[in-house]
Structures are given as C-alpha cells and as structure tokens.
Amino acid sequence: MNSFRKLLIALTAGALAVGATLLAGCGKQGVKKLEPAKPVATQSLTITDAALEAGVRDTLKFGKMHQGEIIAKHLRVENGNERPIVLLRHITTCGCVNVVYDRKPIAKGESATIEFELDSKSLQGWQMKLMEFYFADKDTPMKIYIEAEVK
C-alpha cells in the first residue's frame, strides 16, 4: 500500500473517531431515570389539531444551574381535540436531555405528563436544546425547547 493511501486511511479513521465524539455531543442518551437536584416544576400545554397544524412550540426554562446538576421539569399535555391523540415518538438534539412519557392514547379532555431531565455534567454557558414530538396522524411535530444557563 502506498504512503498516500495509508495517510488517507489514517485521516479517515481519525475523522470518524472525531465525528463519533461530536455526534455523542454532551452525553449519552438513555431512558435511565435521573435524580433531579431541585423540585420539579410543571407547565401545561393544550394540544388541538389546529395547533398541531400551525406547529406547536413551547420553551421550558430551566434557569441557572451549576455544572453537574440535574434539573427536571414536567410538561402536562392536555388533549383539546374531539378524538384521542397518541404521542408516538420524539427526537432530541442532545443526549444530555432525558425524556420520559407514556405512549398511551390521551382521551378528549384528559392530559398526560412528559418529564424532561437536563443533566448539565458536560455543559457550560447558555444552552438551547430542541425536542420534537410526533403524534399519530400528524406530520408537523410539537417542538419543545429547553433553555438553561450552566455555570
């Protein structure tokens, strides 16, 4: 194998290793329950077909926190539709956010709670994280942002 080819293989392997580190980002994502450092606060949001069509967005403000702290917030999602809604899946932009919810139908007028836990162990400075939640029969996700300042 010539030296150029060896160099190319070495650079590619190094780039893949760096890329894997960057993709891992700020921690590994899992469904493990974390232990929050502060009491849990709850916000509420009503979901309707019209709101989902328009693109529901909300921000959970975690405020100031120390590096290594874990803070949890709850978002109570109420069904404002005439028929049940089902939260099928979610996508997060960072492994430092743990999201826990039931994947059961939410009947008309009922609500379900989504729990968000932010683990700041590898974060520093102002943070804005995005979670997208997809409901059955809807193409537009509900977007929930997490905002925090890690010192």
Protein backbone atom coordinates (compact mmCIF):
# COMPACT_ATOMS: atom_id res chain seq x y z
CA MET A 1 0.00 0.00 0.00
CA ASN A 2 1.47 3.36 -0.91
CA SER A 3 2.06 6.08 1.70
CA PHE A 4 -0.69 8.34 0.33
CA ARG A 5 -3.27 5.59 0.69
CA LYS A 6 -2.08 4.87 4.27
CA LEU A 7 -2.34 8.58 5.11
CA LEU A 8 -5.84 8.75 3.62
CA ILE A 9 -6.98 5.73 5.66
CA ALA A 10 -5.46 7.16 8.85
CA LEU A 11 -7.13 10.56 8.30
CA THR A 12 -10.48 8.92 7.55
CA ALA A 13 -10.28 6.79 10.70
CA GLY A 14 -9.37 9.85 12.76
CA ALA A 15 -12.21 11.88 11.26
CA LEU A 16 -14.67 9.07 12.02
CA ALA A 17 -13.47 8.95 15.63
CA VAL A 18 -13.84 12.73 15.97
CA GLY A 19 -17.25 12.59 14.27
CA ALA A 20 -18.42 9.90 16.70
CA THR A 21 -17.32 12.11 19.59
CA LEU A 22 -19.15 15.11 18.12
CA LEU A 23 -22.28 13.06 17.50
CA ALA A 24 -22.20 11.86 21.08
CA GLY A 25 -22.27 15.55 21.92
CA CYS A 26 -22.95 16.30 25.52
CA GLY A 27 -23.52 12.86 26.94
CA LYS A 28 -25.19 9.64 26.06
CA GLN A 29 -28.91 9.44 25.66
CA GLY A 30 -30.86 6.85 27.56
CA VAL A 31 -34.09 6.16 29.31
CA LYS A 32 -32.49 5.81 32.73
CA LYS A 33 -34.30 7.85 35.39
CA LEU A 34 -32.09 10.65 36.72
CA GLU A 35 -32.25 12.25 40.15
CA PRO A 36 -33.07 15.99 39.91
CA ALA A 37 -31.28 18.39 42.25
CA LYS A 38 -34.29 20.72 42.65
CA PRO A 39 -38.07 20.30 43.00
CA VAL A 40 -39.88 19.60 39.74
CA ALA A 41 -41.93 22.38 38.15
CA THR A 42 -44.87 21.74 35.80
CA GLN A 43 -46.04 23.69 32.75
CA SER A 44 -49.24 22.99 30.80
CA LEU A 45 -49.97 22.94 27.10
CA THR A 46 -53.25 22.19 25.28
CA ILE A 47 -52.95 20.26 22.02
CA THR A 48 -55.53 20.78 19.27
CA ASP A 49 -55.48 19.76 15.60
CA ALA A 50 -55.26 23.43 14.61
CA ALA A 51 -52.33 23.99 16.97
CA LEU A 52 -50.51 20.94 15.61
CA GLU A 53 -51.12 22.08 12.02
CA ALA A 54 -49.70 25.52 12.89
CA GLY A 55 -46.73 23.96 14.69
CA VAL A 56 -46.96 23.90 18.49
CA ARG A 57 -43.88 25.35 20.18
CA ASP A 58 -43.06 25.97 23.81
CA THR A 59 -39.96 26.63 25.92
CA LEU A 60 -39.14 25.07 29.26
CA LYS A 61 -36.87 27.46 31.13
CA PHE A 62 -34.56 25.61 33.49
CA GLY A 63 -32.89 28.85 34.63
CA LYS A 64 -29.40 29.00 36.11
CA MET A 65 -27.79 25.77 37.18
CA HIS A 66 -24.36 24.54 38.21
CA GLN A 67 -22.38 22.20 36.01
CA GLY A 68 -23.14 18.62 37.08
CA GLU A 69 -26.64 19.45 38.34
CA ILE A 70 -29.68 17.55 37.08
CA ILE A 71 -32.92 19.51 36.88
CA ALA A 72 -36.32 18.10 35.91
CA LYS A 73 -39.42 19.80 34.53
CA HIS A 74 -42.81 18.37 33.69
CA LEU A 75 -44.97 19.38 30.76
CA ARG A 76 -48.65 18.48 31.14
CA VAL A 77 -50.13 17.96 27.67
CA GLU A 78 -53.91 18.25 27.52
CA ASN A 79 -55.94 16.90 24.61
CA GLY A 80 -58.16 19.68 23.26
CA ASN A 81 -59.40 17.56 20.34
CA GLU A 82 -62.66 15.68 19.90
CA ARG A 83 -60.79 12.40 19.50
CA PRO A 84 -57.86 10.76 21.33
CA ILE A 85 -54.30 11.74 20.48
CA VAL A 86 -51.25 9.49 20.70
CA LEU A 87 -47.69 10.68 21.21
CA LEU A 88 -45.69 8.15 19.17
CA ARG A 89 -42.06 9.21 19.30
CA HIS A 90 -39.62 12.01 19.95
CA ILE A 91 -36.25 13.26 18.76
CA THR A 92 -33.78 15.19 20.92
CA THR A 93 -30.81 17.28 19.81
CA CYS A 94 -28.70 16.29 22.79
CA GLY A 95 -28.07 13.19 24.89
CA CYS A 96 -28.00 15.42 27.98
CA VAL A 97 -31.82 15.53 27.89
CA ASN A 98 -33.75 12.52 29.15
CA VAL A 99 -37.43 12.42 28.15
CA VAL A 100 -39.95 10.11 29.82
CA TYR A 101 -43.64 9.71 28.84
CA ASP A 102 -46.30 7.07 28.31
CA ARG A 103 -47.14 6.11 24.76
CA LYS A 104 -50.84 5.66 25.53
CA PRO A 105 -53.75 7.47 23.89
CA ILE A 106 -54.82 10.68 25.63
CA ALA A 107 -58.62 10.89 25.61
CA LYS A 108 -60.56 14.10 24.88
CA GLY A 109 -60.17 16.50 27.81
CA GLU A 110 -57.57 14.28 29.51
CA SER A 111 -53.89 15.03 29.98
CA ALA A 112 -50.57 13.23 30.13
CA THR A 113 -47.24 14.32 31.58
CA ILE A 114 -43.93 14.44 29.76
CA GLU A 115 -40.91 14.58 32.07
CA PHE A 116 -37.73 16.34 30.94
CA GLU A 117 -34.46 15.93 32.81
CA LEU A 118 -31.44 18.05 31.90
CA ASP A 119 -28.08 16.66 33.02
CA SER A 120 -25.55 19.51 32.89
CA LYS A 121 -22.41 17.49 33.67
CA SER A 122 -20.81 18.22 30.29
CA LEU A 123 -22.45 21.57 29.57
CA GLN A 124 -21.28 25.12 30.11
CA GLY A 125 -22.79 28.52 29.30
CA TRP A 126 -26.14 29.28 27.71
CA GLN A 127 -27.90 26.17 26.37
CA MET A 128 -30.85 25.73 24.00
CA LYS A 129 -31.92 22.14 23.29
CA LEU A 130 -34.74 21.02 20.99
CA MET A 131 -37.09 18.05 21.28
CA GLU A 132 -39.59 17.19 18.57
CA PHE A 133 -42.64 15.11 19.49
CA TYR A 134 -44.64 13.32 16.81
CA PHE A 135 -48.31 12.48 17.22
CA ALA A 136 -50.19 9.79 15.29
CA ASP A 137 -51.76 11.08 12.06
CA LYS A 138 -49.79 14.37 12.19
CA ASP A 139 -46.78 15.32 10.10
CA THR A 140 -45.87 18.51 11.97
CA PRO A 141 -44.09 17.86 15.27
CA MET A 142 -44.65 19.65 18.54
CA LYS A 143 -41.35 21.44 19.27
CA ILE A 144 -40.25 21.88 22.87
CA TYR A 145 -37.14 23.89 23.61
CA ILE A 146 -35.12 23.67 26.82
CA GLU A 147 -33.26 26.78 27.85
CA ALA A 148 -30.69 26.88 30.64
CA GLU A 149 -27.59 28.74 31.80
CA VAL A 150 -24.91 26.40 33.14
CA LYS A 151 -22.22 27.92 35.36
